């Protein structure tokens, strides 16, 4: 499902124009991204959490050059579904 599909489905269910729904969906996504950039997690009860995972520094190998490289510590965004949501999907 794409963002356009989500906008269409919400517009069908609510009767609101697609342009307004698209503006709302994009604003929601910008708020989530903005919060994660500030290293603030986003919690949506009954749906899940958008969280920042911290990756430790590690040593890796560059196979083509046969050398070792150090990958610095960094943060990555992740989604953790709520238990009620995950249990519905895993059936």
N, C-alpha and C. Protein backbone atom coordinates (compact mmCIF):
# COMPACT_ATOMS: atom_id res chain seq x y z
N UNK A 1 0.86 -1.18 0.00
CA UNK A 1 0.00 0.00 0.00
C UNK A 1 0.90 1.23 0.00
N UNK A 2 0.58 2.15 -0.87
CA UNK A 2 1.37 3.38 -0.99
C UNK A 2 0.67 4.52 -0.24
N UNK A 3 1.36 5.65 -0.17
CA UNK A 3 0.76 6.82 0.47
C UNK A 3 -0.50 7.24 -0.27
N UNK A 4 -0.49 7.17 -1.60
CA UNK A 4 -1.67 7.52 -2.39
C UNK A 4 -2.84 6.59 -2.08
N UNK A 5 -2.54 5.31 -1.88
CA UNK A 5 -3.60 4.34 -1.52
C UNK A 5 -4.19 4.68 -0.15
N UNK A 6 -3.33 5.04 0.78
CA UNK A 6 -3.80 5.41 2.13
C UNK A 6 -4.71 6.63 2.05
N UNK A 7 -4.27 7.63 1.28
CA UNK A 7 -5.07 8.85 1.12
C UNK A 7 -6.43 8.52 0.50
N UNK A 8 -6.44 7.68 -0.52
CA UNK A 8 -7.69 7.30 -1.17
C UNK A 8 -8.64 6.57 -0.23
N UNK A 9 -8.10 5.63 0.54
CA UNK A 9 -8.93 4.86 1.48
C UNK A 9 -9.53 5.76 2.56
N UNK A 10 -8.72 6.66 3.11
CA UNK A 10 -9.22 7.56 4.15
C UNK A 10 -10.28 8.49 3.56
N UNK A 11 -10.05 8.98 2.34
CA UNK A 11 -11.02 9.86 1.69
C UNK A 11 -12.36 9.14 1.47
N UNK A 12 -12.29 7.87 1.05
CA UNK A 12 -13.52 7.08 0.86
C UNK A 12 -14.28 6.90 2.17
N UNK A 13 -13.54 6.59 3.23
CA UNK A 13 -14.18 6.29 4.52
C UNK A 13 -14.72 7.54 5.22
N UNK A 14 -14.08 8.68 5.00
CA UNK A 14 -14.49 9.89 5.72
C UNK A 14 -15.31 10.86 4.88
N UNK A 15 -15.21 10.78 3.56
CA UNK A 15 -15.91 11.72 2.70
C UNK A 15 -15.21 13.07 2.57
N UNK A 16 -14.00 13.16 3.07
CA UNK A 16 -13.21 14.40 2.98
C UNK A 16 -12.41 14.36 1.69
N UNK A 17 -12.14 15.53 1.12
CA UNK A 17 -11.40 15.61 -0.14
C UNK A 17 -9.99 15.03 0.00
N UNK A 18 -9.51 14.42 -1.09
CA UNK A 18 -8.20 13.79 -1.09
C UNK A 18 -7.08 14.80 -0.81
N UNK A 19 -7.24 16.02 -1.29
CA UNK A 19 -6.18 17.02 -1.08
C UNK A 19 -6.01 17.34 0.39
N UNK A 20 -7.12 17.42 1.10
CA UNK A 20 -7.05 17.69 2.54
C UNK A 20 -6.43 16.50 3.28
N UNK A 21 -6.84 15.30 2.90
CA UNK A 21 -6.29 14.09 3.54
C UNK A 21 -4.80 13.99 3.26
N UNK A 22 -4.38 14.28 2.03
CA UNK A 22 -2.96 14.21 1.71
C UNK A 22 -2.16 15.20 2.54
N UNK A 23 -2.69 16.39 2.73
CA UNK A 23 -2.02 17.39 3.56
C UNK A 23 -1.87 16.90 4.99
N UNK A 24 -2.91 16.26 5.51
CA UNK A 24 -2.88 15.74 6.88
C UNK A 24 -1.89 14.60 7.01
N UNK A 25 -1.91 13.67 6.06
CA UNK A 25 -1.00 12.53 6.11
C UNK A 25 0.45 13.01 6.02
N UNK A 26 0.72 13.94 5.12
CA UNK A 26 2.09 14.46 4.99
C UNK A 26 2.52 15.22 6.23
N UNK A 27 1.60 15.97 6.84
CA UNK A 27 1.92 16.68 8.08
C UNK A 27 2.23 15.69 9.20
N UNK A 28 1.46 14.60 9.27
CA UNK A 28 1.71 13.56 10.28
C UNK A 28 3.11 12.98 10.08
N UNK A 29 3.44 12.64 8.84
CA UNK A 29 4.75 12.04 8.59
C UNK A 29 5.87 13.02 8.91
N UNK A 30 5.70 14.28 8.61
CA UNK A 30 6.71 15.29 8.94
C UNK A 30 6.90 15.42 10.45
N UNK A 31 5.81 15.36 11.20
CA UNK A 31 5.90 15.44 12.66
C UNK A 31 6.64 14.23 13.22
N UNK A 32 6.36 13.05 12.69
CA UNK A 32 7.05 11.84 13.15
C UNK A 32 8.54 11.96 12.83
N UNK A 33 8.87 12.36 11.60
CA UNK A 33 10.28 12.51 11.22
C UNK A 33 10.96 13.57 12.08
N UNK A 34 10.28 14.68 12.32
CA UNK A 34 10.86 15.75 13.14
C UNK A 34 11.15 15.29 14.56
N UNK A 35 10.22 14.53 15.12
CA UNK A 35 10.43 14.01 16.48
C UNK A 35 11.60 13.05 16.53
N UNK A 36 11.69 12.17 15.54
CA UNK A 36 12.79 11.21 15.52
C UNK A 36 14.13 11.90 15.29
N UNK A 37 14.14 12.97 14.49
CA UNK A 37 15.38 13.72 14.29
C UNK A 37 15.86 14.35 15.60
N UNK A 38 14.90 14.70 16.47
CA UNK A 38 15.26 15.27 17.78
C UNK A 38 15.49 14.17 18.81
N UNK A 39 15.52 12.90 18.34
CA UNK A 39 15.70 11.72 19.18
C UNK A 39 14.59 11.57 20.21
N UNK A 40 13.37 11.95 19.83
CA UNK A 40 12.18 11.75 20.65
C UNK A 40 11.35 10.64 20.02
N UNK A 41 11.00 9.63 20.79
CA UNK A 41 10.18 8.54 20.29
C UNK A 41 8.73 9.01 20.15
N UNK A 42 7.99 8.35 19.24
CA UNK A 42 6.58 8.67 19.01
C UNK A 42 5.77 7.44 19.38
N UNK A 43 4.83 7.59 20.32
CA UNK A 43 4.02 6.47 20.81
C UNK A 43 2.57 6.66 20.37
N UNK A 44 2.03 5.68 19.63
CA UNK A 44 0.64 5.71 19.19
C UNK A 44 -0.05 4.50 19.81
N UNK A 45 -0.79 4.73 20.87
CA UNK A 45 -1.43 3.66 21.63
C UNK A 45 -2.32 2.81 20.72
N UNK A 46 -2.15 1.50 20.80
CA UNK A 46 -2.94 0.57 20.00
C UNK A 46 -2.39 0.34 18.60
N UNK A 47 -1.41 1.13 18.19
CA UNK A 47 -0.81 0.97 16.86
C UNK A 47 0.66 0.56 16.98
N UNK A 48 1.45 1.39 17.65
CA UNK A 48 2.86 1.07 17.81
C UNK A 48 3.68 2.30 18.12
N UNK A 49 4.99 2.12 18.10
CA UNK A 49 5.91 3.21 18.43
C UNK A 49 6.97 3.35 17.35
N UNK A 50 7.24 4.60 17.00
CA UNK A 50 8.37 4.91 16.14
C UNK A 50 9.50 5.27 17.10
N UNK A 51 10.56 4.49 17.08
CA UNK A 51 11.63 4.66 18.06
C UNK A 51 12.98 4.83 17.36
N UNK A 52 13.93 5.33 18.12
CA UNK A 52 15.32 5.45 17.66
C UNK A 52 16.10 4.30 18.30
N UNK A 53 16.75 3.50 17.46
CA UNK A 53 17.61 2.43 17.96
C UNK A 53 19.05 2.90 17.81
N UNK A 54 19.84 2.65 18.83
CA UNK A 54 21.24 3.04 18.82
C UNK A 54 22.08 1.84 18.41
N UNK A 55 22.88 2.01 17.38
CA UNK A 55 23.79 0.97 16.92
C UNK A 55 25.19 1.30 17.43
N UNK A 56 25.84 0.33 18.05
CA UNK A 56 27.18 0.54 18.59
C UNK A 56 28.22 0.54 17.46
N UNK A 57 29.37 1.08 17.75
CA UNK A 57 30.47 1.05 16.80
C UNK A 57 30.89 -0.39 16.58
N UNK A 58 31.24 -0.74 15.33
CA UNK A 58 31.69 -2.11 15.08
C UNK A 58 32.72 -2.12 13.96
N UNK A 59 33.45 -3.22 13.91
CA UNK A 59 34.47 -3.41 12.89
C UNK A 59 33.88 -4.34 11.82
N UNK A 60 34.03 -3.94 10.56
CA UNK A 60 33.52 -4.75 9.45
C UNK A 60 34.64 -4.95 8.44
N UNK A 61 34.39 -5.82 7.47
CA UNK A 61 35.39 -6.10 6.44
C UNK A 61 34.91 -5.62 5.09
N UNK A 62 35.81 -4.98 4.36
CA UNK A 62 35.58 -4.63 2.98
C UNK A 62 36.16 -5.78 2.16
N UNK A 63 35.30 -6.66 1.67
CA UNK A 63 35.75 -7.88 1.01
C UNK A 63 36.51 -7.58 -0.28
N UNK A 64 36.05 -6.59 -1.04
CA UNK A 64 36.71 -6.31 -2.32
C UNK A 64 38.14 -5.81 -2.16
N UNK A 65 38.41 -5.06 -1.10
CA UNK A 65 39.77 -4.54 -0.87
C UNK A 65 40.52 -5.34 0.18
N UNK A 66 39.84 -6.28 0.82
CA UNK A 66 40.42 -7.12 1.87
C UNK A 66 40.99 -6.28 3.01
N UNK A 67 40.21 -5.30 3.45
CA UNK A 67 40.62 -4.45 4.57
C UNK A 67 39.50 -4.41 5.61
N UNK A 68 39.85 -3.96 6.79
CA UNK A 68 38.84 -3.77 7.83
C UNK A 68 38.50 -2.28 7.91
N UNK A 69 37.24 -2.03 8.19
CA UNK A 69 36.79 -0.65 8.37
C UNK A 69 36.00 -0.57 9.67
N UNK A 70 35.98 0.60 10.26
CA UNK A 70 35.23 0.82 11.48
C UNK A 70 33.95 1.58 11.12
N UNK A 71 32.84 0.99 11.48
CA UNK A 71 31.55 1.64 11.28
C UNK A 71 31.23 2.37 12.58
N UNK A 72 31.10 3.69 12.54
CA UNK A 72 30.87 4.44 13.78
C UNK A 72 29.49 4.15 14.38
N UNK A 73 29.34 4.46 15.65
CA UNK A 73 28.04 4.33 16.31
C UNK A 73 27.06 5.28 15.63
N UNK A 74 25.82 4.83 15.47
CA UNK A 74 24.82 5.66 14.82
C UNK A 74 23.42 5.25 15.27
N UNK A 75 22.46 6.11 14.98
CA UNK A 75 21.07 5.85 15.33
C UNK A 75 20.30 5.52 14.06
N UNK A 76 19.31 4.63 14.19
CA UNK A 76 18.44 4.30 13.06
C UNK A 76 16.98 4.35 13.54
N UNK A 77 16.07 4.78 12.67
CA UNK A 77 14.66 4.76 13.04
C UNK A 77 14.11 3.34 12.94
N UNK A 78 13.15 3.02 13.79
CA UNK A 78 12.52 1.70 13.77
C UNK A 78 11.07 1.83 14.19
N UNK A 79 10.28 0.84 13.83
CA UNK A 79 8.88 0.79 14.22
C UNK A 79 8.67 -0.46 15.05
N UNK A 80 8.03 -0.30 16.20
CA UNK A 80 7.72 -1.43 17.07
C UNK A 80 6.20 -1.47 17.22
N UNK A 81 5.53 -2.50 16.67
CA UNK A 81 4.07 -2.55 16.75
C UNK A 81 3.59 -2.81 18.17
N UNK A 82 2.39 -2.31 18.47
CA UNK A 82 1.78 -2.57 19.77
C UNK A 82 1.43 -4.05 19.85
N UNK A 83 1.36 -4.58 21.06
CA UNK A 83 1.07 -6.01 21.24
C UNK A 83 -0.25 -6.39 20.62
N UNK A 84 -1.28 -5.56 20.80
CA UNK A 84 -2.60 -5.88 20.24
C UNK A 84 -2.57 -5.89 18.71
N UNK A 85 -1.80 -5.01 18.12
CA UNK A 85 -1.66 -4.93 16.67
C UNK A 85 -0.86 -6.12 16.15
N UNK A 86 0.24 -6.44 16.81
CA UNK A 86 1.09 -7.55 16.38
C UNK A 86 0.37 -8.87 16.49
N UNK A 87 -0.47 -9.04 17.51
CA UNK A 87 -1.16 -10.31 17.68
C UNK A 87 -2.20 -10.53 16.58
N UNK A 88 -2.77 -9.47 16.04
CA UNK A 88 -3.74 -9.60 14.94
C UNK A 88 -3.04 -10.01 13.65
N UNK A 89 -1.82 -9.56 13.44
CA UNK A 89 -1.08 -9.86 12.22
C UNK A 89 -0.50 -11.26 12.26
N UNK A 90 -0.07 -11.71 13.42
CA UNK A 90 0.62 -13.00 13.52
C UNK A 90 -0.33 -14.20 13.48
N UNK A 91 -1.61 -13.97 13.35
CA UNK A 91 -2.57 -15.09 13.32
C UNK A 91 -2.47 -15.86 12.04
